[in-house]
Every structure is written in structure tokens, then in C-alpha cells.
N, C-alpha and C. Protein backbone atom coordinates (compact mmCIF):
# COMPACT_ATOMS: atom_id res chain seq x y z
N MET A 1 57.48 -75.90 39.34
CA MET A 1 58.20 -76.50 38.30
C MET A 1 59.66 -76.91 38.77
N ARG A 2 60.35 -75.79 39.16
CA ARG A 2 61.63 -75.86 39.67
C ARG A 2 61.84 -76.66 40.79
N ALA A 3 60.86 -76.58 41.68
CA ALA A 3 61.05 -77.32 42.81
C ALA A 3 60.88 -79.06 42.51
N ARG A 4 60.12 -79.34 41.43
CA ARG A 4 59.91 -80.46 40.96
C ARG A 4 61.22 -81.21 40.38
N ARG A 5 61.68 -80.31 39.60
CA ARG A 5 63.13 -80.61 38.82
C ARG A 5 64.20 -80.88 39.98
N GLY A 6 64.18 -80.02 41.03
CA GLY A 6 65.17 -80.33 42.08
C GLY A 6 65.03 -81.73 42.77
N ALA A 7 63.74 -81.88 42.97
CA ALA A 7 63.35 -83.22 43.73
C ALA A 7 63.82 -84.43 42.84
N MET A 8 63.29 -84.20 41.40
CA MET A 8 63.64 -85.35 40.60
C MET A 8 65.26 -85.45 40.46
N ALA A 9 65.95 -84.38 40.53
CA ALA A 9 67.53 -84.42 40.45
C ALA A 9 68.13 -85.20 41.62
N LEU A 10 67.50 -84.73 42.94
CA LEU A 10 67.85 -85.29 44.11
C LEU A 10 67.75 -86.69 44.10
N TRP A 11 66.36 -87.15 43.61
CA TRP A 11 66.09 -88.64 43.66
C TRP A 11 67.15 -89.41 42.68
N LEU A 12 67.50 -88.79 41.57
CA LEU A 12 68.31 -89.56 40.76
C LEU A 12 69.70 -89.64 41.20
N VAL A 13 70.22 -88.70 41.85
CA VAL A 13 71.50 -88.78 42.63
C VAL A 13 71.53 -89.95 43.70
N ALA A 14 70.25 -89.95 44.39
CA ALA A 14 70.22 -90.83 45.47
C ALA A 14 70.23 -92.44 44.95
N ALA A 15 69.48 -92.44 43.81
CA ALA A 15 69.13 -93.73 43.31
C ALA A 15 70.49 -94.18 42.68
N SER A 16 71.25 -93.29 42.00
CA SER A 16 72.62 -93.62 41.28
C SER A 16 73.55 -94.01 42.53
N ILE A 17 73.63 -93.30 43.63
CA ILE A 17 74.54 -93.98 44.73
C ILE A 17 74.07 -95.23 45.25
N GLY A 18 72.78 -95.46 45.37
CA GLY A 18 72.40 -96.67 45.70
C GLY A 18 72.67 -97.75 44.85
N LEU A 19 72.57 -97.58 43.46
CA LEU A 19 72.95 -98.60 42.47
C LEU A 19 74.40 -98.83 42.53
N ALA A 20 75.19 -97.50 42.65
CA ALA A 20 76.72 -97.96 42.66
C ALA A 20 77.30 -98.67 43.96
N ALA A 21 76.39 -98.57 45.00
CA ALA A 21 76.85 -99.32 46.13
C ALA A 21 76.51 -100.71 46.16
N CYS A 22 75.54 -101.06 45.18
CA CYS A 22 75.13 -102.51 44.94
C CYS A 22 75.78 -103.21 43.89
N ALA A 23 76.43 -102.52 43.12
CA ALA A 23 77.13 -102.92 41.89
C ALA A 23 78.09 -103.83 42.27
N GLY A 24 78.31 -104.88 41.28
CA GLY A 24 79.17 -105.91 41.68
C GLY A 24 80.66 -105.38 41.00
N ASN A 25 81.62 -106.11 41.60
CA ASN A 25 82.96 -105.65 41.14
C ASN A 25 83.04 -106.48 39.56
N PRO A 26 83.31 -105.87 38.53
CA PRO A 26 83.33 -106.42 37.15
C PRO A 26 84.54 -107.45 37.08
N ASN A 27 85.48 -107.35 37.84
CA ASN A 27 86.51 -108.30 37.89
C ASN A 27 86.30 -109.56 38.48
N THR A 28 85.54 -109.53 39.59
CA THR A 28 85.25 -110.67 40.40
C THR A 28 83.80 -111.27 40.34
N GLY A 29 82.87 -110.36 39.97
CA GLY A 29 81.51 -110.60 39.86
C GLY A 29 80.88 -110.62 41.42
N SER A 30 81.79 -110.20 42.35
CA SER A 30 81.22 -110.11 43.53
C SER A 30 80.56 -108.90 43.98
N ILE A 31 79.86 -108.63 45.03
CA ILE A 31 79.34 -107.39 45.58
C ILE A 31 80.31 -106.82 46.39
N GLN A 32 80.86 -105.56 46.24
CA GLN A 32 81.67 -104.95 47.33
C GLN A 32 81.04 -104.40 48.32
N SER A 33 81.47 -104.53 49.58
CA SER A 33 80.82 -104.03 50.77
C SER A 33 81.66 -102.74 51.18
N THR A 34 80.72 -101.95 51.70
CA THR A 34 81.38 -100.57 52.20
C THR A 34 81.64 -100.79 53.81
N VAL A 35 81.30 -101.82 54.36
CA VAL A 35 81.39 -102.07 55.92
C VAL A 35 82.87 -102.66 56.02
N PRO A 36 83.55 -102.06 56.80
CA PRO A 36 84.95 -102.68 57.25
C PRO A 36 84.80 -103.96 57.82
N THR A 37 85.59 -104.95 57.31
CA THR A 37 85.66 -106.36 57.87
C THR A 37 86.66 -106.16 59.17
N PRO A 38 86.19 -106.63 60.50
CA PRO A 38 86.89 -106.59 61.51
C PRO A 38 88.01 -107.48 61.31
N THR A 39 89.10 -107.05 62.08
CA THR A 39 90.59 -107.70 61.80
C THR A 39 90.89 -108.16 63.38
N LYS A 40 91.65 -109.29 63.23
CA LYS A 40 92.18 -109.92 64.55
C LYS A 40 93.30 -108.94 64.99
N THR A 41 93.37 -108.35 66.21
CA THR A 41 94.60 -107.66 66.74
C THR A 41 95.32 -108.25 68.00
N GLN A 42 96.16 -107.92 68.24
CA GLN A 42 97.02 -108.45 69.46
C GLN A 42 96.06 -107.96 70.74
N GLU A 43 95.36 -106.97 70.81
CA GLU A 43 94.83 -106.52 72.18
C GLU A 43 93.44 -107.20 72.04
N GLU A 44 92.88 -107.48 70.94
CA GLU A 44 91.47 -107.87 71.13
C GLU A 44 91.13 -109.04 70.05
N PRO A 45 91.54 -110.24 70.62
CA PRO A 45 91.45 -111.55 69.64
C PRO A 45 90.04 -111.67 69.27
N MET A 46 89.85 -112.19 67.96
CA MET A 46 88.25 -112.51 67.63
C MET A 46 87.78 -113.75 68.35
N LYS A 47 86.74 -113.89 68.71
CA LYS A 47 86.21 -115.11 69.26
C LYS A 47 84.68 -115.33 68.75
N ALA A 48 84.26 -116.48 68.75
CA ALA A 48 82.92 -116.77 68.68
C ALA A 48 82.03 -116.22 69.60
N GLU A 49 80.83 -115.98 69.33
CA GLU A 49 79.88 -115.34 70.45
C GLU A 49 79.73 -116.37 71.50
N LEU A 50 79.91 -116.01 72.68
CA LEU A 50 79.60 -116.72 73.86
C LEU A 50 78.22 -116.99 74.24
N THR A 51 77.67 -118.12 74.56
CA THR A 51 76.39 -118.52 74.72
C THR A 51 76.22 -118.51 76.21
N TRP A 52 75.09 -118.36 76.90
CA TRP A 52 75.02 -118.33 78.39
C TRP A 52 75.41 -119.79 78.87
N GLN A 53 75.02 -120.82 78.06
CA GLN A 53 75.41 -122.17 78.59
C GLN A 53 77.05 -122.23 78.86
N GLU A 54 77.70 -121.75 77.69
CA GLU A 54 79.17 -121.75 77.75
C GLU A 54 79.69 -120.94 78.91
N ALA A 55 79.04 -119.75 79.14
CA ALA A 55 79.53 -119.01 80.36
C ALA A 55 79.33 -119.55 81.52
N LYS A 56 78.25 -120.28 81.75
CA LYS A 56 77.85 -120.86 83.00
C LYS A 56 78.81 -122.09 83.00
N ALA A 57 79.01 -122.89 82.20
CA ALA A 57 79.91 -124.14 82.30
C ALA A 57 81.33 -123.64 82.56
N HIS A 58 81.87 -122.61 81.97
CA HIS A 58 83.24 -122.22 82.44
C HIS A 58 83.53 -121.49 83.57
N THR A 59 82.29 -120.79 84.14
CA THR A 59 82.37 -120.16 85.47
C THR A 59 82.25 -121.29 86.51
N GLN A 60 81.46 -122.25 86.42
CA GLN A 60 81.26 -123.28 87.42
C GLN A 60 82.50 -124.20 87.42
N ALA A 61 83.09 -124.45 86.20
CA ALA A 61 84.49 -125.12 86.28
C ALA A 61 85.48 -124.45 87.04
N MET A 62 85.64 -123.14 86.95
CA MET A 62 86.55 -122.24 87.69
C MET A 62 86.22 -122.08 89.08
N GLU A 63 84.96 -122.18 89.43
CA GLU A 63 84.61 -122.33 91.01
C GLU A 63 85.13 -123.61 91.50
N LEU A 64 85.08 -124.82 90.83
CA LEU A 64 85.49 -125.98 91.31
C LEU A 64 86.99 -125.98 91.29
N GLU A 65 87.73 -125.43 90.27
CA GLU A 65 88.98 -125.28 90.40
C GLU A 65 89.57 -124.47 91.87
N ILE A 66 88.89 -123.38 91.88
CA ILE A 66 89.36 -122.68 93.27
C ILE A 66 89.04 -123.77 94.52
N ALA A 67 87.88 -124.38 94.50
CA ALA A 67 87.63 -125.17 95.64
C ALA A 67 88.69 -126.34 95.73
N ALA A 68 89.10 -126.84 94.58
CA ALA A 68 90.23 -127.81 94.70
C ALA A 68 91.38 -127.55 95.40
N LEU A 69 91.69 -126.15 95.58
CA LEU A 69 92.79 -125.69 96.24
C LEU A 69 92.91 -125.64 97.75
N ILE A 70 91.51 -125.98 98.07
CA ILE A 70 91.34 -125.95 99.71
C ILE A 70 92.03 -127.22 100.17
N PRO A 71 92.78 -127.41 101.15
CA PRO A 71 93.34 -128.64 101.63
C PRO A 71 92.38 -129.82 101.76
N LYS A 72 92.67 -130.93 101.17
CA LYS A 72 91.48 -131.99 101.09
C LYS A 72 91.14 -132.53 102.39
N ASP A 73 92.15 -132.44 103.35
CA ASP A 73 92.02 -132.90 104.69
C ASP A 73 91.03 -131.79 105.43
N ALA A 74 90.93 -130.71 105.12
CA ALA A 74 89.97 -129.84 105.84
C ALA A 74 88.68 -129.87 105.15
N VAL A 75 88.44 -130.35 103.91
CA VAL A 75 87.14 -130.30 103.43
C VAL A 75 85.99 -131.42 103.72
N VAL A 76 84.97 -130.91 104.25
CA VAL A 76 83.85 -131.76 104.52
C VAL A 76 82.98 -132.04 103.41
N SER A 77 82.63 -130.86 102.82
CA SER A 77 81.87 -131.08 101.62
C SER A 77 81.92 -129.76 100.49
N ILE A 78 81.64 -130.14 99.15
CA ILE A 78 81.50 -129.05 98.27
C ILE A 78 80.06 -129.07 97.74
N ASP A 79 79.27 -127.87 97.85
CA ASP A 79 78.19 -127.79 97.27
C ASP A 79 78.08 -126.60 96.26
N GLN A 80 77.98 -127.01 95.01
CA GLN A 80 77.87 -126.05 93.79
C GLN A 80 76.41 -126.09 93.61
N LYS A 81 76.00 -124.80 93.60
CA LYS A 81 74.56 -124.66 93.11
C LYS A 81 74.27 -124.74 91.71
N ARG A 82 73.38 -125.67 91.27
CA ARG A 82 73.31 -126.05 89.98
C ARG A 82 72.61 -124.91 89.14
N LYS A 83 71.95 -124.16 89.55
CA LYS A 83 71.53 -122.95 88.97
C LYS A 83 72.02 -121.54 89.42
N GLY A 84 71.81 -120.65 88.68
CA GLY A 84 72.38 -119.23 88.96
C GLY A 84 71.32 -118.22 88.29
N VAL A 85 71.74 -116.90 88.46
CA VAL A 85 70.84 -115.86 87.83
C VAL A 85 71.71 -115.07 86.90
N LEU A 86 70.89 -114.31 85.82
CA LEU A 86 71.57 -113.40 85.04
C LEU A 86 71.57 -112.26 85.58
N LEU A 87 72.63 -111.20 85.50
CA LEU A 87 72.57 -109.93 85.88
C LEU A 87 73.06 -109.20 84.46
N SER A 88 72.41 -107.81 84.39
CA SER A 88 72.77 -107.20 83.34
C SER A 88 74.27 -106.47 83.40
N CYS A 89 75.10 -106.49 82.18
CA CYS A 89 76.23 -106.12 82.04
C CYS A 89 76.02 -104.59 81.38
N THR A 90 75.14 -104.72 80.25
CA THR A 90 74.93 -103.35 79.56
C THR A 90 73.41 -103.58 79.05
N LYS A 91 72.65 -102.64 78.24
CA LYS A 91 71.44 -103.01 77.80
C LYS A 91 71.25 -104.27 77.03
N THR A 92 72.21 -104.75 76.35
CA THR A 92 72.00 -106.00 75.58
C THR A 92 72.87 -107.13 75.96
N GLN A 93 73.64 -106.85 77.19
CA GLN A 93 74.40 -108.07 77.62
C GLN A 93 74.20 -108.40 79.02
N HIS A 94 74.38 -109.82 79.44
CA HIS A 94 74.21 -110.37 80.51
C HIS A 94 75.46 -111.10 81.14
N ASN A 95 75.51 -111.46 82.34
CA ASN A 95 76.54 -112.46 82.87
C ASN A 95 75.79 -113.28 83.81
N TRP A 96 76.13 -114.60 83.84
CA TRP A 96 75.66 -115.53 84.65
C TRP A 96 76.43 -115.47 86.00
N ASN A 97 75.66 -115.54 87.18
CA ASN A 97 76.30 -115.43 88.40
C ASN A 97 75.76 -116.69 89.23
N GLY A 98 76.54 -117.45 89.90
CA GLY A 98 76.47 -118.53 90.78
C GLY A 98 77.39 -118.62 91.94
N SER A 99 77.29 -119.81 92.58
CA SER A 99 78.19 -119.90 93.82
C SER A 99 78.53 -121.46 94.03
N THR A 100 79.67 -121.57 94.86
CA THR A 100 79.95 -122.70 95.34
C THR A 100 80.36 -122.59 96.85
N THR A 101 79.78 -123.37 97.55
CA THR A 101 80.20 -123.33 99.05
C THR A 101 80.94 -124.62 99.47
N VAL A 102 82.10 -124.41 100.11
CA VAL A 102 82.86 -125.50 100.65
C VAL A 102 82.89 -125.46 102.26
N THR A 103 82.28 -126.62 102.74
CA THR A 103 82.32 -126.67 104.26
C THR A 103 83.63 -127.37 104.78
N VAL A 104 84.31 -126.70 105.77
CA VAL A 104 85.50 -127.25 106.14
C VAL A 104 85.29 -127.71 107.51
N THR A 105 86.20 -128.50 108.04
CA THR A 105 86.14 -129.14 109.31
C THR A 105 86.22 -127.94 110.39
N GLU A 106 85.71 -128.14 111.53
CA GLU A 106 85.49 -127.21 112.67
C GLU A 106 86.94 -127.01 112.98
N GLY A 107 87.26 -125.74 113.40
CA GLY A 107 88.70 -125.30 113.76
C GLY A 107 89.53 -125.01 112.77
N THR A 108 89.02 -125.09 111.37
CA THR A 108 90.02 -124.73 110.28
C THR A 108 90.09 -123.17 110.16
N LYS A 109 91.40 -122.76 109.94
CA LYS A 109 91.62 -121.20 109.98
C LYS A 109 91.37 -120.94 108.46
N ILE A 110 90.47 -120.21 108.12
CA ILE A 110 90.18 -119.82 106.79
C ILE A 110 90.99 -118.94 106.17
N GLU A 111 91.38 -117.92 106.77
CA GLU A 111 92.09 -116.92 106.27
C GLU A 111 93.38 -117.28 105.76
N PRO A 112 94.18 -118.17 106.35
CA PRO A 112 95.50 -118.72 105.58
C PRO A 112 95.07 -119.33 104.45
N ILE A 113 93.91 -120.17 104.27
CA ILE A 113 93.59 -120.90 103.11
C ILE A 113 93.40 -119.82 102.05
N LEU A 114 92.55 -118.78 102.17
CA LEU A 114 92.29 -117.69 101.27
C LEU A 114 93.59 -117.05 100.72
N LYS A 115 94.52 -116.82 101.82
CA LYS A 115 95.64 -116.29 101.27
C LYS A 115 96.51 -117.10 100.51
N GLU A 116 96.42 -118.62 100.51
CA GLU A 116 97.17 -119.48 99.65
C GLU A 116 96.51 -119.38 98.24
N ILE A 117 95.21 -119.26 98.27
CA ILE A 117 94.36 -119.17 97.06
C ILE A 117 94.79 -117.88 96.31
N LYS A 118 94.84 -116.81 97.02
CA LYS A 118 95.35 -115.50 96.36
C LYS A 118 96.89 -115.75 95.84
N THR A 119 97.82 -116.30 96.55
CA THR A 119 99.22 -116.59 95.98
C THR A 119 99.02 -117.58 94.73
N HIS A 120 98.23 -118.51 94.73
CA HIS A 120 98.19 -119.23 93.55
C HIS A 120 97.85 -118.60 92.21
N TYR A 121 96.92 -117.66 92.56
CA TYR A 121 96.27 -117.00 91.20
C TYR A 121 97.23 -115.66 90.87
N GLN A 122 98.14 -115.40 91.61
CA GLN A 122 99.06 -114.13 91.40
C GLN A 122 100.16 -114.66 90.17
N SER A 123 99.62 -115.26 89.21
CA SER A 123 100.70 -115.73 88.22
C SER A 123 100.89 -114.84 87.11
N GLY A 124 100.02 -113.63 86.89
CA GLY A 124 100.15 -112.75 85.91
C GLY A 124 99.04 -113.01 84.98
N GLN A 125 98.51 -114.21 85.02
CA GLN A 125 97.20 -114.47 84.12
C GLN A 125 95.90 -113.74 84.79
N TYR A 126 95.93 -113.58 86.15
CA TYR A 126 94.79 -112.89 86.79
C TYR A 126 95.22 -111.53 87.53
N VAL A 127 94.17 -110.76 87.83
CA VAL A 127 94.19 -109.55 88.56
C VAL A 127 93.75 -110.15 89.95
N VAL A 128 94.33 -110.09 91.11
CA VAL A 128 94.04 -110.56 92.22
C VAL A 128 94.15 -109.43 93.24
N GLU A 129 93.13 -109.29 93.93
CA GLU A 129 92.86 -108.39 95.00
C GLU A 129 92.50 -108.87 96.23
N ASP A 130 92.78 -108.36 97.53
CA ASP A 130 92.17 -108.87 98.59
C ASP A 130 91.68 -107.70 99.46
N ARG A 131 90.66 -107.81 100.30
CA ARG A 131 90.25 -106.83 101.14
C ARG A 131 89.55 -107.27 102.31
N LEU A 132 88.92 -106.47 103.30
CA LEU A 132 88.18 -107.01 104.35
C LEU A 132 86.62 -106.65 103.98
N ASP A 133 85.88 -107.62 104.04
CA ASP A 133 84.50 -107.32 103.65
C ASP A 133 83.73 -106.59 104.72
N ILE A 134 82.40 -106.57 104.47
CA ILE A 134 81.74 -105.39 105.47
C ILE A 134 81.69 -106.02 107.04
N ARG A 135 81.65 -107.19 107.17
CA ARG A 135 81.90 -108.07 108.43
C ARG A 135 83.38 -107.88 108.90
N GLY A 136 84.35 -107.49 108.18
CA GLY A 136 85.68 -107.51 108.60
C GLY A 136 86.56 -108.83 108.25
N SER A 137 85.81 -109.51 107.53
CA SER A 137 86.49 -111.13 107.25
C SER A 137 87.22 -110.68 105.75
N TYR A 138 88.56 -111.32 105.89
CA TYR A 138 89.27 -111.28 104.73
C TYR A 138 88.62 -112.01 103.43
N GLU A 139 88.85 -111.44 102.33
CA GLU A 139 88.24 -112.16 100.99
C GLU A 139 89.25 -111.73 99.95
N VAL A 140 89.20 -112.39 98.94
CA VAL A 140 90.04 -112.45 97.74
C VAL A 140 89.10 -112.36 96.39
N GLN A 141 89.39 -111.42 95.49
CA GLN A 141 88.71 -111.41 94.15
C GLN A 141 89.66 -111.59 93.22
N ILE A 142 89.42 -112.45 92.25
CA ILE A 142 90.08 -112.95 91.06
C ILE A 142 89.36 -112.64 89.71
N SER A 143 90.24 -112.10 88.90
CA SER A 143 89.59 -111.74 87.68
C SER A 143 90.67 -112.08 86.62
N PRO A 144 90.25 -112.89 85.61
CA PRO A 144 91.17 -113.03 84.51
C PRO A 144 91.56 -111.64 83.86
N HIS A 145 92.86 -111.52 83.30
CA HIS A 145 93.27 -110.32 82.86
C HIS A 145 92.44 -110.00 81.44
N ASN A 146 92.09 -111.03 80.67
CA ASN A 146 91.55 -110.93 79.42
C ASN A 146 90.01 -110.51 79.41
N THR A 147 89.47 -110.41 80.52
CA THR A 147 88.03 -109.80 80.51
C THR A 147 87.97 -108.79 81.83
N SER A 148 86.99 -108.00 81.56
CA SER A 148 86.80 -107.20 82.77
C SER A 148 85.45 -107.41 83.46
N ASP A 149 84.91 -108.49 82.84
CA ASP A 149 83.58 -108.81 83.43
C ASP A 149 83.65 -110.02 84.44
N GLU A 150 84.27 -111.20 84.08
CA GLU A 150 84.50 -112.34 84.68
C GLU A 150 85.08 -112.00 85.97
N ASN A 151 84.67 -112.53 87.15
CA ASN A 151 85.17 -112.51 88.43
C ASN A 151 84.83 -113.59 89.48
N TYR A 152 85.64 -113.77 90.30
CA TYR A 152 85.28 -114.79 91.51
C TYR A 152 85.56 -113.93 92.87
N ILE A 153 84.81 -113.97 93.87
CA ILE A 153 85.14 -113.72 95.13
C ILE A 153 85.17 -114.74 96.20
N VAL A 154 86.37 -115.06 96.83
CA VAL A 154 86.43 -116.20 97.68
C VAL A 154 86.50 -115.61 99.10
N ALA A 155 85.56 -115.98 100.00
CA ALA A 155 85.60 -115.38 101.14
C ALA A 155 84.99 -116.48 102.25
N GLU A 156 85.10 -116.16 103.53
CA GLU A 156 84.52 -116.92 104.58
C GLU A 156 83.01 -116.87 104.42
N GLY A 157 82.23 -118.01 104.39
CA GLY A 157 80.94 -118.03 104.47
C GLY A 157 80.05 -117.26 105.44
N LEU A 158 78.71 -117.06 105.31
CA LEU A 158 78.00 -116.74 106.39
C LEU A 158 77.93 -117.51 107.64
N ALA A 159 77.87 -118.95 107.18
CA ALA A 159 77.60 -119.85 108.47
C ALA A 159 79.14 -120.33 108.79
N PRO A 160 79.29 -120.61 110.03
CA PRO A 160 80.67 -121.14 110.56
C PRO A 160 81.22 -122.12 109.62
N ASN A 161 82.62 -122.29 109.57
CA ASN A 161 83.30 -123.42 108.78
C ASN A 161 82.78 -123.63 107.35
N GLN A 162 82.58 -122.32 106.67
CA GLN A 162 82.54 -122.25 105.32
C GLN A 162 83.30 -121.30 104.51
N ILE A 163 83.66 -121.73 103.30
CA ILE A 163 84.14 -120.75 102.31
C ILE A 163 83.30 -120.91 101.24
N ARG A 164 82.97 -119.53 100.86
CA ARG A 164 81.97 -119.30 99.79
C ARG A 164 82.82 -118.78 98.61
N ILE A 165 82.54 -119.30 97.41
CA ILE A 165 83.11 -118.83 96.04
C ILE A 165 82.02 -118.21 95.23
N ASP A 166 81.78 -116.97 95.23
CA ASP A 166 80.68 -116.20 94.39
C ASP A 166 81.34 -115.96 93.16
N SER A 167 80.53 -116.09 91.98
CA SER A 167 81.20 -115.93 90.58
C SER A 167 80.32 -115.19 89.80
N GLY A 168 80.88 -114.55 88.79
CA GLY A 168 80.26 -113.74 87.71
C GLY A 168 80.92 -113.99 86.41
N SER A 169 80.20 -114.63 85.48
CA SER A 169 80.97 -115.03 84.06
C SER A 169 81.25 -113.75 83.19
N GLU A 170 81.76 -113.98 82.16
CA GLU A 170 81.91 -113.03 81.23
C GLU A 170 80.72 -112.51 80.55
N CYS A 171 80.65 -111.55 80.15
CA CYS A 171 79.35 -111.05 79.28
C CYS A 171 78.82 -111.66 78.30
N PHE A 172 77.79 -111.78 77.89
CA PHE A 172 77.29 -112.56 76.70
C PHE A 172 75.99 -111.94 76.18
N THR A 173 75.50 -112.11 74.97
CA THR A 173 74.30 -111.50 74.57
C THR A 173 73.19 -112.85 74.46
N LEU A 174 72.05 -112.50 75.02
CA LEU A 174 70.94 -113.66 74.99
C LEU A 174 70.49 -113.81 73.57
N PRO A 175 69.93 -114.93 73.13
CA PRO A 175 69.32 -115.05 71.86
C PRO A 175 68.15 -114.28 71.84
N GLU A 176 67.48 -113.95 70.97
CA GLU A 176 66.20 -113.05 70.63
C GLU A 176 65.18 -113.97 71.46
N GLY A 177 64.35 -113.37 72.23
CA GLY A 177 63.04 -114.00 72.73
C GLY A 177 63.58 -114.83 74.11
N ILE A 178 64.72 -114.70 74.55
CA ILE A 178 65.06 -115.47 75.88
C ILE A 178 64.90 -114.39 77.03
N TYR A 179 64.05 -114.52 77.86
CA TYR A 179 63.83 -113.59 78.98
C TYR A 179 64.94 -113.86 80.01
N PRO A 180 65.61 -112.85 80.57
CA PRO A 180 66.88 -113.00 81.37
C PRO A 180 66.34 -113.13 82.91
N GLY A 181 65.06 -113.21 83.14
CA GLY A 181 64.67 -113.36 84.62
C GLY A 181 64.67 -114.87 84.90
N GLY A 182 64.53 -115.30 86.08
CA GLY A 182 64.40 -116.62 86.68
C GLY A 182 65.93 -117.22 86.84
N ASP A 183 65.80 -118.55 86.90
CA ASP A 183 66.99 -119.40 86.99
C ASP A 183 67.64 -119.90 85.83
N PHE A 184 68.88 -119.96 85.66
CA PHE A 184 69.66 -120.31 84.61
C PHE A 184 70.63 -121.54 84.86
């Protein structure tokens, strides 16, 4: 009997807490939430959820912005891949990855062009780093300050007379039911 009374008392306490949490404010008639509302801060401005389409469009626009910095008289063609792939950022987020290849005239010195691109983006709005890749070729990595995910690597292409711009977008969450494999 004592165990039954204890269980009943526990149930009544739990039910009272549940009802109190759902009770409306008598002054406003609205339900009070115990979940804190996110606030906009200087360090982390609130923004709408990024879609994969928006991430792709922004990243491809930046690829073309970088390509436009290559001297026009050296450019033979600009080939931007229409589709890319999604890579995982976390268990729940992905980023869009693509590339643009710029073919330049034979004899064009690519490293000085890459150094000019590096200088252009050293405005304080971007983190810009340079290094030698595994082949010993000069490359530049550009990342906006406001995100740790989005980045662009500008380097000599695998074929002669090419500059390749590899990109990765800011991370986003895919809608429920969208499989991240395949082309995007």
C-alpha cells in the first residue's frame, strides 16, 4: 500500500509540473516557453537556413569571381562544372564541392597569376594561405573569415596551361529524405 501511495504521489507531482509548464500566462493568455529564444550576437549573426541550391550558387559565383581575376588576354576558356558532389561536414550537415578550370594561353606563367589572386583576397575579409602542393606547384587557399567551412583552392591544373579552382561551400542541412549521394 505504501509503495502504491508513493507512486501515486510521484505521478501527481509529475502531472502538476507538466500542467504548470503548459499553463498560459494569465496576463497575456499566451503559453510560456521554458526554451530560451536565440538572440543575435556580434560574433554569430542569425541567418536563415542555407539550402544546398543557395550554397552551390554562391560557391559557383565565387569560382567565377576568382576566374575573372586572371588576365583576359591570357584566358582561352573557362569551364565551370555544372554539377558537383556533397561531402559530409558533420553527421547532419554537408557542403557542396565543385570546380572551375581556366585554360590559359601556352607560355603563360601561372604562379605570378596565383600570387596576384592571393594579394587581391588579402583584404581582411578572407583568410588567405599559400603553399606548395604535392607536385611542388604553388597554390592559394581562400576562406571567408565568417565561416570555417567555405574554401577555394586555386592552383595549377593537372593538364598544362590550366588553372583549377576547387571549391567547397558553407555547410548546410539537407531536407529530410534527400539522399546526399550522386551529383548536385
